Amino acid sequence: MKNIKQLALASYTDNKLDNKKILRIVNKLSRKEIKFYLKKIKLLESKNTIMVTLVDRNTDKKIINDIRKIFKNKNVVINEDKALLAGIRILDFDNLYEYDLKSKIENISKFLTK
């Protein structure tokens, strides 16, 4: 299974998945190995992808460019969520950073009711 991990890492060219390499690799693997290989690829992709959720996709381009500069070696995906009140949510693999008015109000409310 160590070889499968190495094959998953070898599936990238310039930090992007290379379809030709993937097809070459998959054609030589058994069904069980393909399943494990796909799990490793998905894990690598989630580690290399930043999910940014904003209230509006038309947010100031400077903010989006700043986020891309901060995470320059990762793929940045911009999503829209109208329920997010005046803020931003950033998901970096297992880390969730949420900065919005709604969560601030909820935190203050919890603090005051204690």
N, C-alpha and C. Protein backbone atom coordinates (compact mmCIF):
# COMPACT_ATOMS: atom_id res chain seq x y z
N MET A 1 0.81 -1.20 0.00
CA MET A 1 0.00 0.00 0.00
C MET A 1 0.86 1.27 0.00
N LYS A 2 2.13 1.11 0.45
CA LYS A 2 3.03 2.27 0.40
C LYS A 2 3.22 2.73 -1.04
N ASN A 3 3.29 1.76 -1.95
CA ASN A 3 3.48 2.10 -3.36
C ASN A 3 2.30 2.91 -3.89
N ILE A 4 1.10 2.61 -3.41
CA ILE A 4 -0.10 3.34 -3.84
C ILE A 4 0.00 4.79 -3.40
N LYS A 5 0.49 5.02 -2.19
CA LYS A 5 0.67 6.39 -1.69
C LYS A 5 1.65 7.15 -2.58
N GLN A 6 2.72 6.47 -2.96
CA GLN A 6 3.71 7.10 -3.83
C GLN A 6 3.13 7.37 -5.22
N LEU A 7 2.30 6.44 -5.69
CA LEU A 7 1.65 6.64 -6.99
C LEU A 7 0.69 7.83 -6.95
N ALA A 8 0.00 7.99 -5.83
CA ALA A 8 -0.91 9.14 -5.68
C ALA A 8 -0.12 10.44 -5.73
N LEU A 9 1.01 10.48 -5.06
CA LEU A 9 1.86 11.68 -5.10
C LEU A 9 2.42 11.91 -6.50
N ALA A 10 2.72 10.82 -7.20
CA ALA A 10 3.29 10.93 -8.55
C ALA A 10 2.25 11.33 -9.59
N SER A 11 0.98 11.37 -9.21
CA SER A 11 -0.10 11.72 -10.13
C SER A 11 -0.19 13.21 -10.40
N TYR A 12 0.65 13.98 -9.75
CA TYR A 12 0.62 15.44 -9.88
C TYR A 12 1.75 15.94 -10.77
N THR A 13 1.43 16.98 -11.53
CA THR A 13 2.42 17.72 -12.30
C THR A 13 2.20 19.19 -11.98
N ASP A 14 3.19 19.84 -11.44
CA ASP A 14 3.09 21.25 -11.05
C ASP A 14 1.91 21.50 -10.11
N ASN A 15 1.77 20.66 -9.09
CA ASN A 15 0.71 20.75 -8.08
C ASN A 15 -0.70 20.61 -8.63
N LYS A 16 -0.84 20.01 -9.80
CA LYS A 16 -2.16 19.76 -10.39
C LYS A 16 -2.22 18.30 -10.84
N LEU A 17 -3.41 17.71 -10.71
CA LEU A 17 -3.58 16.33 -11.15
C LEU A 17 -3.35 16.23 -12.65
N ASP A 18 -2.60 15.22 -13.04
CA ASP A 18 -2.30 14.98 -14.45
C ASP A 18 -3.14 13.79 -14.92
N ASN A 19 -4.12 14.04 -15.77
CA ASN A 19 -5.04 12.99 -16.23
C ASN A 19 -4.32 11.85 -16.93
N LYS A 20 -3.30 12.16 -17.72
CA LYS A 20 -2.57 11.11 -18.43
C LYS A 20 -1.87 10.17 -17.46
N LYS A 21 -1.26 10.74 -16.44
CA LYS A 21 -0.58 9.92 -15.43
C LYS A 21 -1.59 9.06 -14.68
N ILE A 22 -2.73 9.64 -14.34
CA ILE A 22 -3.76 8.91 -13.60
C ILE A 22 -4.26 7.72 -14.42
N LEU A 23 -4.55 7.93 -15.70
CA LEU A 23 -5.03 6.83 -16.55
C LEU A 23 -3.99 5.73 -16.67
N ARG A 24 -2.72 6.11 -16.81
CA ARG A 24 -1.64 5.12 -16.89
C ARG A 24 -1.56 4.30 -15.61
N ILE A 25 -1.68 4.97 -14.47
CA ILE A 25 -1.59 4.30 -13.18
C ILE A 25 -2.79 3.39 -12.96
N VAL A 26 -3.99 3.90 -13.20
CA VAL A 26 -5.22 3.14 -12.93
C VAL A 26 -5.29 1.87 -13.79
N ASN A 27 -4.81 1.93 -15.01
CA ASN A 27 -4.84 0.76 -15.89
C ASN A 27 -3.98 -0.39 -15.37
N LYS A 28 -3.04 -0.11 -14.49
CA LYS A 28 -2.13 -1.15 -13.99
C LYS A 28 -2.50 -1.64 -12.59
N LEU A 29 -3.58 -1.10 -12.01
CA LEU A 29 -3.96 -1.46 -10.65
C LEU A 29 -5.16 -2.39 -10.62
N SER A 30 -5.25 -3.16 -9.53
CA SER A 30 -6.44 -4.00 -9.32
C SER A 30 -7.57 -3.11 -8.80
N ARG A 31 -8.76 -3.68 -8.73
CA ARG A 31 -9.93 -2.92 -8.26
C ARG A 31 -9.72 -2.42 -6.83
N LYS A 32 -9.21 -3.28 -5.96
CA LYS A 32 -8.96 -2.91 -4.56
C LYS A 32 -7.92 -1.79 -4.47
N GLU A 33 -6.88 -1.90 -5.28
CA GLU A 33 -5.83 -0.87 -5.29
C GLU A 33 -6.36 0.45 -5.83
N ILE A 34 -7.25 0.39 -6.81
CA ILE A 34 -7.84 1.61 -7.37
C ILE A 34 -8.65 2.34 -6.31
N LYS A 35 -9.41 1.60 -5.51
CA LYS A 35 -10.19 2.22 -4.43
C LYS A 35 -9.27 2.94 -3.45
N PHE A 36 -8.20 2.28 -3.05
CA PHE A 36 -7.24 2.88 -2.12
C PHE A 36 -6.56 4.09 -2.76
N TYR A 37 -6.20 3.95 -4.03
CA TYR A 37 -5.57 5.04 -4.78
C TYR A 37 -6.48 6.27 -4.84
N LEU A 38 -7.77 6.05 -5.12
CA LEU A 38 -8.73 7.16 -5.19
C LEU A 38 -8.90 7.84 -3.83
N LYS A 39 -8.89 7.06 -2.75
CA LYS A 39 -8.97 7.65 -1.41
C LYS A 39 -7.77 8.55 -1.15
N LYS A 40 -6.60 8.10 -1.56
CA LYS A 40 -5.38 8.90 -1.36
C LYS A 40 -5.42 10.17 -2.20
N ILE A 41 -5.90 10.06 -3.42
CA ILE A 41 -6.02 11.25 -4.29
C ILE A 41 -6.99 12.25 -3.68
N LYS A 42 -8.14 11.77 -3.19
CA LYS A 42 -9.13 12.66 -2.56
C LYS A 42 -8.54 13.34 -1.33
N LEU A 43 -7.78 12.60 -0.54
CA LEU A 43 -7.14 13.17 0.64
C LEU A 43 -6.13 14.25 0.25
N LEU A 44 -5.32 13.96 -0.75
CA LEU A 44 -4.35 14.95 -1.23
C LEU A 44 -5.05 16.19 -1.78
N GLU A 45 -6.14 15.98 -2.51
CA GLU A 45 -6.89 17.11 -3.06
C GLU A 45 -7.49 17.97 -1.97
N SER A 46 -8.03 17.34 -0.93
CA SER A 46 -8.62 18.13 0.16
C SER A 46 -7.54 18.88 0.93
N LYS A 47 -6.34 18.33 1.01
CA LYS A 47 -5.25 19.03 1.68
C LYS A 47 -4.76 20.21 0.84
N ASN A 48 -4.92 20.11 -0.47
CA ASN A 48 -4.43 21.16 -1.37
C ASN A 48 -5.50 22.15 -1.80
N THR A 49 -6.69 22.06 -1.22
CA THR A 49 -7.78 22.94 -1.62
C THR A 49 -8.28 23.76 -0.43
N ILE A 50 -8.47 25.04 -0.66
CA ILE A 50 -9.04 25.94 0.34
C ILE A 50 -10.44 26.31 -0.14
N MET A 51 -11.43 26.07 0.72
CA MET A 51 -12.81 26.43 0.40
C MET A 51 -13.12 27.75 1.10
N VAL A 52 -13.39 28.79 0.33
CA VAL A 52 -13.71 30.10 0.87
C VAL A 52 -15.18 30.38 0.59
N THR A 53 -15.93 30.66 1.65
CA THR A 53 -17.35 30.95 1.50
C THR A 53 -17.59 32.41 1.85
N LEU A 54 -18.22 33.12 0.93
CA LEU A 54 -18.52 34.54 1.10
C LEU A 54 -20.02 34.75 0.95
N VAL A 55 -20.50 35.90 1.40
CA VAL A 55 -21.91 36.23 1.25
C VAL A 55 -22.26 36.40 -0.22
N ASP A 56 -21.34 36.99 -0.97
CA ASP A 56 -21.58 37.30 -2.37
C ASP A 56 -20.31 37.02 -3.17
N ARG A 57 -20.44 36.33 -4.28
CA ARG A 57 -19.27 36.03 -5.13
C ARG A 57 -18.65 37.30 -5.70
N ASN A 58 -19.42 38.35 -5.79
CA ASN A 58 -18.94 39.61 -6.35
C ASN A 58 -18.25 40.47 -5.29
N THR A 59 -17.76 39.84 -4.24
CA THR A 59 -17.04 40.55 -3.20
C THR A 59 -15.81 41.21 -3.82
N ASP A 60 -15.34 42.23 -3.15
CA ASP A 60 -14.17 42.97 -3.61
C ASP A 60 -13.06 42.00 -4.06
N LYS A 61 -12.58 42.18 -5.27
CA LYS A 61 -11.55 41.30 -5.84
C LYS A 61 -10.26 41.35 -5.03
N LYS A 62 -10.01 42.45 -4.34
CA LYS A 62 -8.80 42.58 -3.53
C LYS A 62 -8.79 41.54 -2.41
N ILE A 63 -9.95 41.31 -1.79
CA ILE A 63 -10.04 40.32 -0.71
C ILE A 63 -9.74 38.93 -1.26
N ILE A 64 -10.32 38.61 -2.39
CA ILE A 64 -10.09 37.29 -3.00
C ILE A 64 -8.63 37.13 -3.40
N ASN A 65 -8.04 38.18 -3.97
CA ASN A 65 -6.62 38.12 -4.34
C ASN A 65 -5.73 37.98 -3.12
N ASP A 66 -6.08 38.65 -2.02
CA ASP A 66 -5.30 38.51 -0.78
C ASP A 66 -5.36 37.08 -0.26
N ILE A 67 -6.52 36.47 -0.33
CA ILE A 67 -6.66 35.08 0.12
C ILE A 67 -5.81 34.17 -0.76
N ARG A 68 -5.82 34.42 -2.06
CA ARG A 68 -5.01 33.59 -2.98
C ARG A 68 -3.52 33.79 -2.71
N LYS A 69 -3.10 34.99 -2.30
CA LYS A 69 -1.70 35.23 -1.96
C LYS A 69 -1.31 34.48 -0.69
N ILE A 70 -2.21 34.49 0.29
CA ILE A 70 -1.93 33.80 1.55
C ILE A 70 -1.78 32.30 1.31
N PHE A 71 -2.65 31.74 0.49
CA PHE A 71 -2.63 30.31 0.19
C PHE A 71 -2.15 30.08 -1.23
N LYS A 72 -1.00 30.64 -1.59
CA LYS A 72 -0.55 30.63 -2.98
C LYS A 72 -0.24 29.24 -3.54
N ASN A 73 0.08 28.28 -2.69
CA ASN A 73 0.40 26.94 -3.19
C ASN A 73 -0.81 26.01 -3.18
N LYS A 74 -1.99 26.57 -2.92
CA LYS A 74 -3.19 25.76 -2.84
C LYS A 74 -4.25 26.26 -3.82
N ASN A 75 -5.14 25.37 -4.17
CA ASN A 75 -6.26 25.71 -5.05
C ASN A 75 -7.35 26.38 -4.20
N VAL A 76 -7.75 27.59 -4.57
CA VAL A 76 -8.76 28.33 -3.81
C VAL A 76 -10.09 28.25 -4.56
N VAL A 77 -11.12 27.73 -3.86
CA VAL A 77 -12.46 27.61 -4.43
C VAL A 77 -13.37 28.58 -3.69
N ILE A 78 -14.04 29.45 -4.44
CA ILE A 78 -14.92 30.46 -3.86
C ILE A 78 -16.37 29.97 -3.95
N ASN A 79 -17.05 29.95 -2.80
CA ASN A 79 -18.47 29.58 -2.73
C ASN A 79 -19.28 30.76 -2.21
N GLU A 80 -20.59 30.68 -2.41
CA GLU A 80 -21.49 31.74 -1.96
C GLU A 80 -22.51 31.16 -0.99
N ASP A 81 -22.74 31.88 0.12
CA ASP A 81 -23.74 31.47 1.11
C ASP A 81 -24.41 32.72 1.65
N LYS A 82 -25.66 32.93 1.25
CA LYS A 82 -26.40 34.13 1.67
C LYS A 82 -26.68 34.12 3.17
N ALA A 83 -26.67 32.94 3.80
CA ALA A 83 -26.93 32.85 5.25
C ALA A 83 -25.75 33.37 6.07
N LEU A 84 -24.59 33.44 5.45
CA LEU A 84 -23.40 33.96 6.12
C LEU A 84 -23.56 35.47 6.20
N LEU A 85 -23.65 35.99 7.40
CA LEU A 85 -23.99 37.40 7.60
C LEU A 85 -22.72 38.24 7.73
N ALA A 86 -22.40 39.02 6.71
CA ALA A 86 -21.28 39.96 6.73
C ALA A 86 -20.00 39.31 7.23
N GLY A 87 -19.53 38.30 6.53
CA GLY A 87 -18.32 37.64 6.98
C GLY A 87 -17.72 36.71 5.94
N ILE A 88 -16.85 35.83 6.44
CA ILE A 88 -16.14 34.89 5.58
C ILE A 88 -15.92 33.59 6.35
N ARG A 89 -15.95 32.48 5.61
CA ARG A 89 -15.67 31.17 6.18
C ARG A 89 -14.58 30.54 5.32
N ILE A 90 -13.49 30.10 5.95
CA ILE A 90 -12.39 29.48 5.23
C ILE A 90 -12.17 28.08 5.77
N LEU A 91 -12.22 27.08 4.88
CA LEU A 91 -11.98 25.70 5.27
C LEU A 91 -10.67 25.26 4.64
N ASP A 92 -9.68 24.99 5.50
CA ASP A 92 -8.36 24.55 5.08
C ASP A 92 -8.16 23.15 5.64
N PHE A 93 -8.47 22.14 4.83
CA PHE A 93 -8.44 20.73 5.20
C PHE A 93 -9.30 20.49 6.43
N ASP A 94 -8.73 20.37 7.62
CA ASP A 94 -9.51 20.13 8.84
C ASP A 94 -9.76 21.40 9.64
N ASN A 95 -9.17 22.50 9.24
CA ASN A 95 -9.29 23.75 10.00
C ASN A 95 -10.38 24.64 9.40
N LEU A 96 -11.30 25.06 10.26
CA LEU A 96 -12.37 25.95 9.83
C LEU A 96 -12.20 27.29 10.52
N TYR A 97 -12.09 28.35 9.72
CA TYR A 97 -11.98 29.71 10.24
C TYR A 97 -13.26 30.43 9.82
N GLU A 98 -14.02 30.87 10.82
CA GLU A 98 -15.30 31.51 10.52
C GLU A 98 -15.34 32.88 11.19
N TYR A 99 -15.45 33.89 10.37
CA TYR A 99 -15.53 35.26 10.86
C TYR A 99 -16.77 35.90 10.25
N ASP A 100 -17.83 35.99 11.04
CA ASP A 100 -19.03 36.63 10.54
C ASP A 100 -19.81 37.24 11.69
N LEU A 101 -20.68 38.13 11.34
CA LEU A 101 -21.48 38.87 12.32
C LEU A 101 -22.40 37.94 13.10
N LYS A 102 -22.99 36.97 12.42
CA LYS A 102 -23.92 36.04 13.07
C LYS A 102 -23.26 35.28 14.21
N SER A 103 -22.07 34.72 13.97
CA SER A 103 -21.39 33.95 15.03
C SER A 103 -20.95 34.86 16.18
N LYS A 104 -20.58 36.09 15.88
CA LYS A 104 -20.21 37.03 16.94
C LYS A 104 -21.40 37.34 17.83
N ILE A 105 -22.56 37.57 17.22
CA ILE A 105 -23.78 37.85 17.99
C ILE A 105 -24.16 36.64 18.84
N GLU A 106 -24.05 35.44 18.27
CA GLU A 106 -24.36 34.22 19.03
C GLU A 106 -23.42 34.05 20.22
N ASN A 107 -22.14 34.32 20.02
CA ASN A 107 -21.17 34.21 21.11
C ASN A 107 -21.46 35.22 22.22
N ILE A 108 -21.81 36.43 21.85
CA ILE A 108 -22.15 37.45 22.85
C ILE A 108 -23.41 37.04 23.60
N SER A 109 -24.38 36.52 22.88
CA SER A 109 -25.63 36.07 23.50
C SER A 109 -25.38 34.94 24.50
N LYS A 110 -24.56 33.98 24.14
CA LYS A 110 -24.22 32.88 25.05
C LYS A 110 -23.51 33.41 26.29
N PHE A 111 -22.61 34.35 26.08
CA PHE A 111 -21.86 34.93 27.19
C PHE A 111 -22.79 35.66 28.15
N LEU A 112 -23.74 36.40 27.61
CA LEU A 112 -24.66 37.19 28.45
C LEU A 112 -25.67 36.33 29.19
N THR A 113 -26.02 35.17 28.63
CA THR A 113 -27.01 34.31 29.28
C THR A 113 -26.40 33.40 30.35
N LYS A 114 -25.11 33.38 30.48
CA LYS A 114 -24.46 32.54 31.49
C LYS A 114 -24.56 33.15 32.86
